[in-house]
Structure formats: C-alpha cells, structure tokens
Amino acid sequence: MTKLATRKKQIEDLEGFQIEIFDGFGNPANLDAQGLPGYGYQRKAPGNMTVVSWKGRFQQNYPGYTCDVLHKDGSVAHGNTKLSSVR
C-alpha cells in the first residue's frame, strides 16, 4: 500500500513545486495514510495553469483531500497565481 507521503513526493517531483495536503476538515493530512491511488498524470501541468485550476486537478485524483500550493519560500500561493511562478 502506498502512503500519502509517497504520493505527495511523487506529485512534488513531477510538478516542480511543494504542496501541503489537508483532510476534508482542513486539518493537516495524516501522511501515513495508505491505499492512495497514483497521481494519474505523466507530465506536469502547463505553466500557464492557475493554482486554483491545479487544485481542482488534485482533488479529482484525491477526493476527501485538499491542498495548498507553496511558493519556494513556503508561503501559500494565491489561486490566480500561474504555476510557472511557483516552480
């Protein structure tokens, strides 16, 4: 079984930015949770995609979880931020 921590790292490696994952109640997700499906994408999202659009892509793969996309300094990226700005 694959842990959420492993999926998080796979997503970050593919997409080129850091994320923070939360459970359905807005609490930090248990990264030891197991049994999560693969991310489902082989290529990173286009740089002109916004953070809010990418978060929808994430939620399609992982219902019950939400996430924040982080800038390189660790601050949360605003929804209208282009992914090229956080990579």
PDB file of N, CA and C in Angstrom:
ATOM      1  N   MET A   1       0.836  -1.187   0.000  1.00  0.00           N
ATOM      2  CA  MET A   1       0.000   0.000   0.000  1.00  0.00           C
ATOM      3  C   MET A   1       0.884   1.255   0.000  1.00  0.00           C
ATOM      4  N   THR A   2       0.470   2.239  -0.750  1.00  0.00           N
ATOM      5  CA  THR A   2       1.247   3.467  -0.876  1.00  0.00           C
ATOM      6  C   THR A   2       0.758   4.512   0.122  1.00  0.00           C
ATOM      7  N   LYS A   3       1.702   5.124   0.813  1.00  0.00           N
ATOM      8  CA  LYS A   3       1.382   6.160   1.796  1.00  0.00           C
ATOM      9  C   LYS A   3       1.156   7.506   1.114  1.00  0.00           C
ATOM     10  N   LEU A   4       0.397   8.347   1.776  1.00  0.00           N
ATOM     11  CA  LEU A   4       0.157   9.701   1.288  1.00  0.00           C
ATOM     12  C   LEU A   4       1.478  10.463   1.149  1.00  0.00           C
ATOM     13  N   ALA A   5       2.410  10.236   2.056  1.00  0.00           N
ATOM     14  CA  ALA A   5       3.713  10.911   1.979  1.00  0.00           C
ATOM     15  C   ALA A   5       4.432  10.579   0.680  1.00  0.00           C
ATOM     16  N   THR A   6       4.317   9.327   0.231  1.00  0.00           N
ATOM     17  CA  THR A   6       4.945   8.911  -1.025  1.00  0.00           C
ATOM     18  C   THR A   6       4.272   9.594  -2.203  1.00  0.00           C
ATOM     19  N   ARG A   7       2.947   9.633  -2.207  1.00  0.00           N
ATOM     20  CA  ARG A   7       2.212  10.304  -3.292  1.00  0.00           C
ATOM     21  C   ARG A   7       2.552  11.791  -3.318  1.00  0.00           C
ATOM     22  N   LYS A   8       2.638  12.423  -2.144  1.00  0.00           N
ATOM     23  CA  LYS A   8       2.973  13.848  -2.059  1.00  0.00           C
ATOM     24  C   LYS A   8       4.327  14.103  -2.726  1.00  0.00           C
ATOM     25  N   LYS A   9       5.319  13.287  -2.412  1.00  0.00           N
ATOM     26  CA  LYS A   9       6.645  13.465  -3.005  1.00  0.00           C
ATOM     27  C   LYS A   9       6.613  13.247  -4.509  1.00  0.00           C
ATOM     28  N   GLN A  10       5.864  12.240  -4.979  1.00  0.00           N
ATOM     29  CA  GLN A  10       5.757  11.992  -6.416  1.00  0.00           C
ATOM     30  C   GLN A  10       5.139  13.190  -7.132  1.00  0.00           C
ATOM     31  N   ILE A  11       4.105  13.763  -6.543  1.00  0.00           N
ATOM     32  CA  ILE A  11       3.461  14.933  -7.142  1.00  0.00           C
ATOM     33  C   ILE A  11       4.430  16.108  -7.175  1.00  0.00           C
ATOM     34  N   GLU A  12       5.103  16.358  -6.057  1.00  0.00           N
ATOM     35  CA  GLU A  12       6.047  17.477  -5.993  1.00  0.00           C
ATOM     36  C   GLU A  12       7.187  17.307  -6.989  1.00  0.00           C
ATOM     37  N   ASP A  13       7.699  16.093  -7.115  1.00  0.00           N
ATOM     38  CA  ASP A  13       8.789  15.842  -8.076  1.00  0.00           C
ATOM     39  C   ASP A  13       8.334  16.072  -9.508  1.00  0.00           C
ATOM     40  N   LEU A  14       7.132  15.611  -9.842  1.00  0.00           N
ATOM     41  CA  LEU A  14       6.620  15.779 -11.202  1.00  0.00           C
ATOM     42  C   LEU A  14       6.276  17.238 -11.490  1.00  0.00           C
ATOM     43  N   GLU A  15       5.537  17.868 -10.595  1.00  0.00           N
ATOM     44  CA  GLU A  15       5.025  19.222 -10.839  1.00  0.00           C
ATOM     45  C   GLU A  15       6.071  20.314 -10.646  1.00  0.00           C
ATOM     46  N   GLY A  16       7.064  20.088  -9.808  1.00  0.00           N
ATOM     47  CA  GLY A  16       8.118  21.080  -9.618  1.00  0.00           C
ATOM     48  C   GLY A  16       7.792  22.137  -8.584  1.00  0.00           C
ATOM     49  N   PHE A  17       6.844  21.863  -7.699  1.00  0.00           N
ATOM     50  CA  PHE A  17       6.544  22.771  -6.586  1.00  0.00           C
ATOM     51  C   PHE A  17       6.093  21.955  -5.389  1.00  0.00           C
ATOM     52  N   GLN A  18       6.119  22.583  -4.222  1.00  0.00           N
ATOM     53  CA  GLN A  18       5.735  21.927  -2.978  1.00  0.00           C
ATOM     54  C   GLN A  18       4.246  22.109  -2.718  1.00  0.00           C
ATOM     55  N   ILE A  19       3.652  21.119  -2.063  1.00  0.00           N
ATOM     56  CA  ILE A  19       2.253  21.214  -1.667  1.00  0.00           C
ATOM     57  C   ILE A  19       2.119  20.835  -0.202  1.00  0.00           C
ATOM     58  N   GLU A  20       1.034  21.288   0.391  1.00  0.00           N
ATOM     59  CA  GLU A  20       0.641  20.904   1.736  1.00  0.00           C
ATOM     60  C   GLU A  20      -0.732  20.264   1.599  1.00  0.00           C
ATOM     61  N   ILE A  21      -0.928  19.089   2.172  1.00  0.00           N
ATOM     62  CA  ILE A  21      -2.179  18.353   1.993  1.00  0.00           C
ATOM     63  C   ILE A  21      -2.987  18.376   3.288  1.00  0.00           C
ATOM     64  N   PHE A  22      -4.305  18.555   3.133  1.00  0.00           N
ATOM     65  CA  PHE A  22      -5.220  18.632   4.268  1.00  0.00           C
ATOM     66  C   PHE A  22      -6.335  17.603   4.104  1.00  0.00           C
ATOM     67  N   ASP A  23      -6.879  17.172   5.237  1.00  0.00           N
ATOM     68  CA  ASP A  23      -8.037  16.278   5.177  1.00  0.00           C
ATOM     69  C   ASP A  23      -9.284  17.095   4.869  1.00  0.00           C
ATOM     70  N   GLY A  24     -10.408  16.455   4.786  1.00  0.00           N
ATOM     71  CA  GLY A  24     -11.660  17.121   4.436  1.00  0.00           C
ATOM     72  C   GLY A  24     -12.134  18.149   5.440  1.00  0.00           C
ATOM     73  N   PHE A  25     -11.499  18.194   6.618  1.00  0.00           N
ATOM     74  CA  PHE A  25     -11.884  19.142   7.658  1.00  0.00           C
ATOM     75  C   PHE A  25     -10.918  20.311   7.760  1.00  0.00           C
ATOM     76  N   GLY A  26      -9.929  20.373   6.868  1.00  0.00           N
ATOM     77  CA  GLY A  26      -8.959  21.462   6.866  1.00  0.00           C
ATOM     78  C   GLY A  26      -7.774  21.247   7.783  1.00  0.00           C
ATOM     79  N   ASN A  27      -7.667  20.050   8.358  1.00  0.00           N
ATOM     80  CA  ASN A  27      -6.529  19.721   9.224  1.00  0.00           C
ATOM     81  C   ASN A  27      -5.413  19.124   8.379  1.00  0.00           C
ATOM     82  N   PRO A  28      -4.157  19.304   8.812  1.00  0.00           N
ATOM     83  CA  PRO A  28      -3.073  18.651   8.072  1.00  0.00           C
ATOM     84  C   PRO A  28      -3.360  17.152   7.950  1.00  0.00           C
ATOM     85  N   ALA A  29      -3.193  16.633   6.759  1.00  0.00           N
ATOM     86  CA  ALA A  29      -3.495  15.223   6.496  1.00  0.00           C
ATOM     87  C   ALA A  29      -2.464  14.323   7.165  1.00  0.00           C
ATOM     88  N   ASN A  30      -2.905  13.133   7.522  1.00  0.00           N
ATOM     89  CA  ASN A  30      -2.026  12.111   8.066  1.00  0.00           C
ATOM     90  C   ASN A  30      -1.218  11.533   6.907  1.00  0.00           C
ATOM     91  N   LEU A  31       0.065  11.862   6.852  1.00  0.00           N
ATOM     92  CA  LEU A  31       0.898  11.419   5.742  1.00  0.00           C
ATOM     93  C   LEU A  31       1.195   9.927   5.785  1.00  0.00           C
ATOM     94  N   ASP A  32       0.802   9.257   6.875  1.00  0.00           N
ATOM     95  CA  ASP A  32       0.957   7.806   6.969  1.00  0.00           C
ATOM     96  C   ASP A  32      -0.265   7.058   6.428  1.00  0.00           C
ATOM     97  N   ALA A  33      -1.304   7.796   6.005  1.00  0.00           N
ATOM     98  CA  ALA A  33      -2.495   7.158   5.429  1.00  0.00           C
ATOM     99  C   ALA A  33      -2.067   6.326   4.227  1.00  0.00           C
ATOM    100  N   GLN A  34      -2.679   5.163   4.064  1.00  0.00           N
ATOM    101  CA  GLN A  34      -2.266   4.254   3.000  1.00  0.00           C
ATOM    102  C   GLN A  34      -3.399   3.966   2.029  1.00  0.00           C
ATOM    103  N   GLY A  35      -3.040   3.362   0.912  1.00  0.00           N
ATOM    104  CA  GLY A  35      -4.018   2.904  -0.055  1.00  0.00           C
ATOM    105  C   GLY A  35      -4.444   3.949  -1.063  1.00  0.00           C
ATOM    106  N   LEU A  36      -3.620   4.953  -1.286  1.00  0.00           N
ATOM    107  CA  LEU A  36      -3.981   6.018  -2.214  1.00  0.00           C
ATOM    108  C   LEU A  36      -3.610   5.657  -3.642  1.00  0.00           C
ATOM    109  N   PRO A  37      -4.484   5.992  -4.592  1.00  0.00           N
ATOM    110  CA  PRO A  37      -4.176   5.697  -5.995  1.00  0.00           C
ATOM    111  C   PRO A  37      -3.053   6.582  -6.512  1.00  0.00           C
ATOM    112  N   GLY A  38      -2.508   6.213  -7.651  1.00  0.00           N
ATOM    113  CA  GLY A  38      -1.472   7.024  -8.284  1.00  0.00           C
ATOM    114  C   GLY A  38      -2.010   8.383  -8.690  1.00  0.00           C
ATOM    115  N   TYR A  39      -1.122   9.300  -8.979  1.00  0.00           N
ATOM    116  CA  TYR A  39      -1.496  10.669  -9.332  1.00  0.00           C
ATOM    117  C   TYR A  39      -2.268  10.727 -10.641  1.00  0.00           C
ATOM    118  N   GLY A  40      -1.940   9.880 -11.587  1.00  0.00           N
ATOM    119  CA  GLY A  40      -2.714   9.813 -12.821  1.00  0.00           C
ATOM    120  C   GLY A  40      -2.199  10.679 -13.952  1.00  0.00           C
ATOM    121  N   TYR A  41      -1.140  11.421 -13.720  1.00  0.00           N
ATOM    122  CA  TYR A  41      -0.569  12.277 -14.768  1.00  0.00           C
ATOM    123  C   TYR A  41       0.895  11.917 -14.963  1.00  0.00           C
ATOM    124  N   GLN A  42       1.324  11.877 -16.208  1.00  0.00           N
ATOM    125  CA  GLN A  42       2.713  11.570 -16.528  1.00  0.00           C
ATOM    126  C   GLN A  42       3.536  12.830 -16.775  1.00  0.00           C
ATOM    127  N   ARG A  43       2.830  13.930 -17.097  1.00  0.00           N
ATOM    128  CA  ARG A  43       3.507  15.197 -17.394  1.00  0.00           C
ATOM    129  C   ARG A  43       2.999  16.269 -16.448  1.00  0.00           C
ATOM    130  N   LYS A  44       3.867  17.220 -16.143  1.00  0.00           N
ATOM    131  CA  LYS A  44       3.448  18.302 -15.258  1.00  0.00           C
ATOM    132  C   LYS A  44       2.412  19.184 -15.953  1.00  0.00           C
ATOM    133  N   ALA A  45       1.627  19.859 -15.155  1.00  0.00           N
ATOM    134  CA  ALA A  45       0.605  20.774 -15.665  1.00  0.00           C
ATOM    135  C   ALA A  45       1.293  21.947 -16.368  1.00  0.00           C
ATOM    136  N   PRO A  46       0.642  22.538 -17.360  1.00  0.00           N
ATOM    137  CA  PRO A  46       1.247  23.670 -18.061  1.00  0.00           C
ATOM    138  C   PRO A  46       1.478  24.855 -17.118  1.00  0.00           C
ATOM    139  N   GLY A  47       2.531  25.584 -17.384  1.00  0.00           N
ATOM    140  CA  GLY A  47       2.896  26.721 -16.547  1.00  0.00           C
ATOM    141  C   GLY A  47       1.870  27.835 -16.517  1.00  0.00           C
ATOM    142  N   ASN A  48       1.011  27.919 -17.541  1.00  0.00           N
ATOM    143  CA  ASN A  48       0.002  28.983 -17.562  1.00  0.00           C
ATOM    144  C   ASN A  48      -1.276  28.577 -16.811  1.00  0.00           C
ATOM    145  N   MET A  49      -1.303  27.362 -16.267  1.00  0.00           N
ATOM    146  CA  MET A  49      -2.445  26.928 -15.440  1.00  0.00           C
ATOM    147  C   MET A  49      -2.367  27.658 -14.094  1.00  0.00           C
ATOM    148  N   THR A  50      -3.517  28.040 -13.571  1.00  0.00           N
ATOM    149  CA  THR A  50      -3.536  28.719 -12.271  1.00  0.00           C
ATOM    150  C   THR A  50      -3.514  27.697 -11.140  1.00  0.00           C
ATOM    151  N   VAL A  51      -3.147  28.178  -9.979  1.00  0.00           N
ATOM    152  CA  VAL A  51      -3.124  27.341  -8.779  1.00  0.00           C
ATOM    153  C   VAL A  51      -4.510  26.759  -8.510  1.00  0.00           C
ATOM    154  N   VAL A  52      -5.550  27.575  -8.616  1.00  0.00           N
ATOM    155  CA  VAL A  52      -6.899  27.077  -8.335  1.00  0.00           C
ATOM    156  C   VAL A  52      -7.298  25.978  -9.318  1.00  0.00           C
ATOM    157  N   SER A  53      -6.918  26.100 -10.568  1.00  0.00           N
ATOM    158  CA  SER A  53      -7.212  25.052 -11.550  1.00  0.00           C
ATOM    159  C   SER A  53      -6.450  23.776 -11.220  1.00  0.00           C
ATOM    160  N   TRP A  54      -5.193  23.921 -10.827  1.00  0.00           N
ATOM    161  CA  TRP A  54      -4.398  22.751 -10.491  1.00  0.00           C
ATOM    162  C   TRP A  54      -4.957  22.052  -9.248  1.00  0.00           C
ATOM    163  N   LYS A  55      -5.431  22.831  -8.294  1.00  0.00           N
ATOM    164  CA  LYS A  55      -6.008  22.231  -7.091  1.00  0.00           C
ATOM    165  C   LYS A  55      -7.239  21.388  -7.435  1.00  0.00           C
ATOM    166  N   GLY A  56      -7.999  21.804  -8.438  1.00  0.00           N
ATOM    167  CA  GLY A  56      -9.118  21.001  -8.912  1.00  0.00           C
ATOM    168  C   GLY A  56      -8.636  19.685  -9.491  1.00  0.00           C
ATOM    169  N   ARG A  57      -7.529  19.744 -10.209  1.00  0.00           N
ATOM    170  CA  ARG A  57      -6.905  18.534 -10.776  1.00  0.00           C
ATOM    171  C   ARG A  57      -6.493  17.584  -9.647  1.00  0.00           C
ATOM    172  N   PHE A  58      -5.918  18.141  -8.599  1.00  0.00           N
ATOM    173  CA  PHE A  58      -5.517  17.346  -7.442  1.00  0.00           C
ATOM    174  C   PHE A  58      -6.734  16.681  -6.797  1.00  0.00           C
ATOM    175  N   GLN A  59      -7.796  17.447  -6.590  1.00  0.00           N
ATOM    176  CA  GLN A  59      -8.976  16.923  -5.909  1.00  0.00           C
ATOM    177  C   GLN A  59      -9.707  15.863  -6.728  1.00  0.00           C
ATOM    178  N   GLN A  60      -9.596  15.904  -8.043  1.00  0.00           N
ATOM    179  CA  GLN A  60     -10.183  14.847  -8.870  1.00  0.00           C
ATOM    180  C   GLN A  60      -9.511  13.514  -8.584  1.00  0.00           C
ATOM    181  N   ASN A  61      -8.217  13.549  -8.326  1.00  0.00           N
ATOM    182  CA  ASN A  61      -7.463  12.327  -8.050  1.00  0.00           C
ATOM    183  C   ASN A  61      -7.581  11.885  -6.598  1.00  0.00           C
ATOM    184  N   TYR A  62      -7.764  12.842  -5.694  1.00  0.00           N
ATOM    185  CA  TYR A  62      -7.777  12.536  -4.264  1.00  0.00           C
ATOM    186  C   TYR A  62      -8.974  13.177  -3.582  1.00  0.00           C
ATOM    187  N   PRO A  63     -10.190  12.674  -3.868  1.00  0.00           N
ATOM    188  CA  PRO A  63     -11.365  13.228  -3.199  1.00  0.00           C
ATOM    189  C   PRO A  63     -11.236  13.025  -1.687  1.00  0.00           C
ATOM    190  N   GLY A  64     -11.715  13.996  -0.954  1.00  0.00           N
ATOM    191  CA  GLY A  64     -11.593  13.936   0.500  1.00  0.00           C
ATOM    192  C   GLY A  64     -10.363  14.657   1.013  1.00  0.00           C
ATOM    193  N   TYR A  65      -9.502  15.087   0.101  1.00  0.00           N
ATOM    194  CA  TYR A  65      -8.311  15.845   0.475  1.00  0.00           C
ATOM    195  C   TYR A  65      -8.324  17.179  -0.261  1.00  0.00           C
ATOM    196  N   THR A  66      -7.713  18.168   0.353  1.00  0.00           N
ATOM    197  CA  THR A  66      -7.464  19.447  -0.297  1.00  0.00           C
ATOM    198  C   THR A  66      -5.977  19.734  -0.156  1.00  0.00           C
ATOM    199  N   CYS A  67      -5.519  20.769  -0.828  1.00  0.00           N
ATOM    200  CA  CYS A  67      -4.100  21.093  -0.707  1.00  0.00           C
ATOM    201  C   CYS A  67      -3.868  22.581  -0.927  1.00  0.00           C
ATOM    202  N   ASP A  68      -2.712  23.016  -0.518  1.00  0.00           N
ATOM    203  CA  ASP A  68      -2.207  24.346  -0.834  1.00  0.00           C
ATOM    204  C   ASP A  68      -0.960  24.159  -1.677  1.00  0.00           C
ATOM    205  N   VAL A  69      -0.766  25.038  -2.636  1.00  0.00           N
ATOM    206  CA  VAL A  69       0.458  25.079  -3.428  1.00  0.00           C
ATOM    207  C   VAL A  69       1.341  26.146  -2.780  1.00  0.00           C
ATOM    208  N   LEU A  70       2.610  25.822  -2.601  1.00  0.00           N
ATOM    209  CA  LEU A  70       3.518  26.720  -1.897  1.00  0.00           C
ATOM    210  C   LEU A  70       4.540  27.348  -2.834  1.00  0.00           C
ATOM    211  N   HIS A  71       4.830  28.625  -2.556  1.00  0.00           N
ATOM    212  CA  HIS A  71       5.952  29.293  -3.222  1.00  0.00           C
ATOM    213  C   HIS A  71       7.241  28.696  -2.677  1.00  0.00           C
ATOM    214  N   LYS A  72       8.348  28.993  -3.312  1.00  0.00           N
ATOM    215  CA  LYS A  72       9.640  28.467  -2.870  1.00  0.00           C
ATOM    216  C   LYS A  72       9.993  28.893  -1.453  1.00  0.00           C
ATOM    217  N   ASP A  73       9.472  30.041  -1.010  1.00  0.00           N
ATOM    218  CA  ASP A  73       9.750  30.500   0.350  1.00  0.00           C
ATOM    219  C   ASP A  73       8.818  29.873   1.387  1.00  0.00           C
ATOM    220  N   GLY A  74       7.903  29.002   0.936  1.00  0.00           N
ATOM    221  CA  GLY A  74       7.000  28.307   1.846  1.00  0.00           C
ATOM    222  C   GLY A  74       5.661  28.988   2.049  1.00  0.00           C
ATOM    223  N   SER A  75       5.481  30.173   1.485  1.00  0.00           N
ATOM    224  CA  SER A  75       4.200  30.864   1.615  1.00  0.00           C
ATOM    225  C   SER A  75       3.186  30.248   0.647  1.00  0.00           C
ATOM    226  N   VAL A  76       1.923  30.358   0.998  1.00  0.00           N
ATOM    227  CA  VAL A  76       0.849  29.778   0.190  1.00  0.00           C
ATOM    228  C   VAL A  76       0.599  30.644  -1.042  1.00  0.00           C
ATOM    229  N   ALA A  77       0.536  30.001  -2.200  1.00  0.00           N
ATOM    230  CA  ALA A  77       0.286  30.715  -3.451  1.00  0.00           C
ATOM    231  C   ALA A  77      -1.202  31.016  -3.584  1.00  0.00           C
ATOM    232  N   HIS A  78      -1.523  32.224  -4.021  1.00  0.00           N
ATOM    233  CA  HIS A  78      -2.896  32.662  -4.263  1.00  0.00           C
ATOM    234  C   HIS A  78      -3.475  31.879  -5.441  1.00  0.00           C
ATOM    235  N   GLY A  79      -4.775  31.713  -5.479  1.00  0.00           N
ATOM    236  CA  GLY A  79      -5.441  30.920  -6.503  1.00  0.00           C
ATOM    237  C   GLY A  79      -5.212  31.378  -7.931  1.00  0.00           C
ATOM    238  N   ASN A  80      -5.030  32.669  -8.157  1.00  0.00           N
ATOM    239  CA  ASN A  80      -4.819  33.170  -9.519  1.00  0.00           C
ATOM    240  C   ASN A  80      -3.366  33.132  -9.965  1.00  0.00           C
ATOM    241  N   THR A  81      -2.480  32.677  -9.098  1.00  0.00           N
ATOM    242  CA  THR A  81      -1.051  32.579  -9.428  1.00  0.00           C
ATOM    243  C   THR A  81      -0.844  31.510 -10.488  1.00  0.00           C
ATOM    244  N   LYS A  82      -0.047  31.807 -11.474  1.00  0.00           N
ATOM    245  CA  LYS A  82       0.305  30.831 -12.512  1.00  0.00           C
ATOM    246  C   LYS A  82       1.323  29.849 -11.950  1.00  0.00           C
ATOM    247  N   LEU A  83       1.230  28.610 -12.362  1.00  0.00           N
ATOM    248  CA  LEU A  83       2.149  27.585 -11.867  1.00  0.00           C
ATOM    249  C   LEU A  83       3.600  27.910 -12.219  1.00  0.00           C
ATOM    250  N   SER A  84       3.821  28.597 -13.332  1.00  0.00           N
ATOM    251  CA  SER A  84       5.185  28.974 -13.713  1.00  0.00           C
ATOM    252  C   SER A  84       5.832  29.860 -12.653  1.00  0.00           C
ATOM    253  N   SER A  85       5.012  30.561 -11.860  1.00  0.00           N
ATOM    254  CA  SER A  85       5.541  31.444 -10.820  1.00  0.00           C
ATOM    255  C   SER A  85       5.937  30.690  -9.553  1.00  0.00           C
ATOM    256  N   VAL A  86       5.415  29.493  -9.369  1.00  0.00           N
ATOM    257  CA  VAL A  86       5.748  28.749  -8.162  1.00  0.00           C
ATOM    258  C   VAL A  86       6.781  27.651  -8.416  1.00  0.00           C
ATOM    259  N   ARG A  87       7.123  27.448  -9.660  1.00  0.00           N
ATOM    260  CA  ARG A  87       8.125  26.415  -9.991  1.00  0.00           C
ATOM    261  C   ARG A  87       9.528  26.960  -9.851  1.00  0.00           C
TER     262      ARG A  87
END
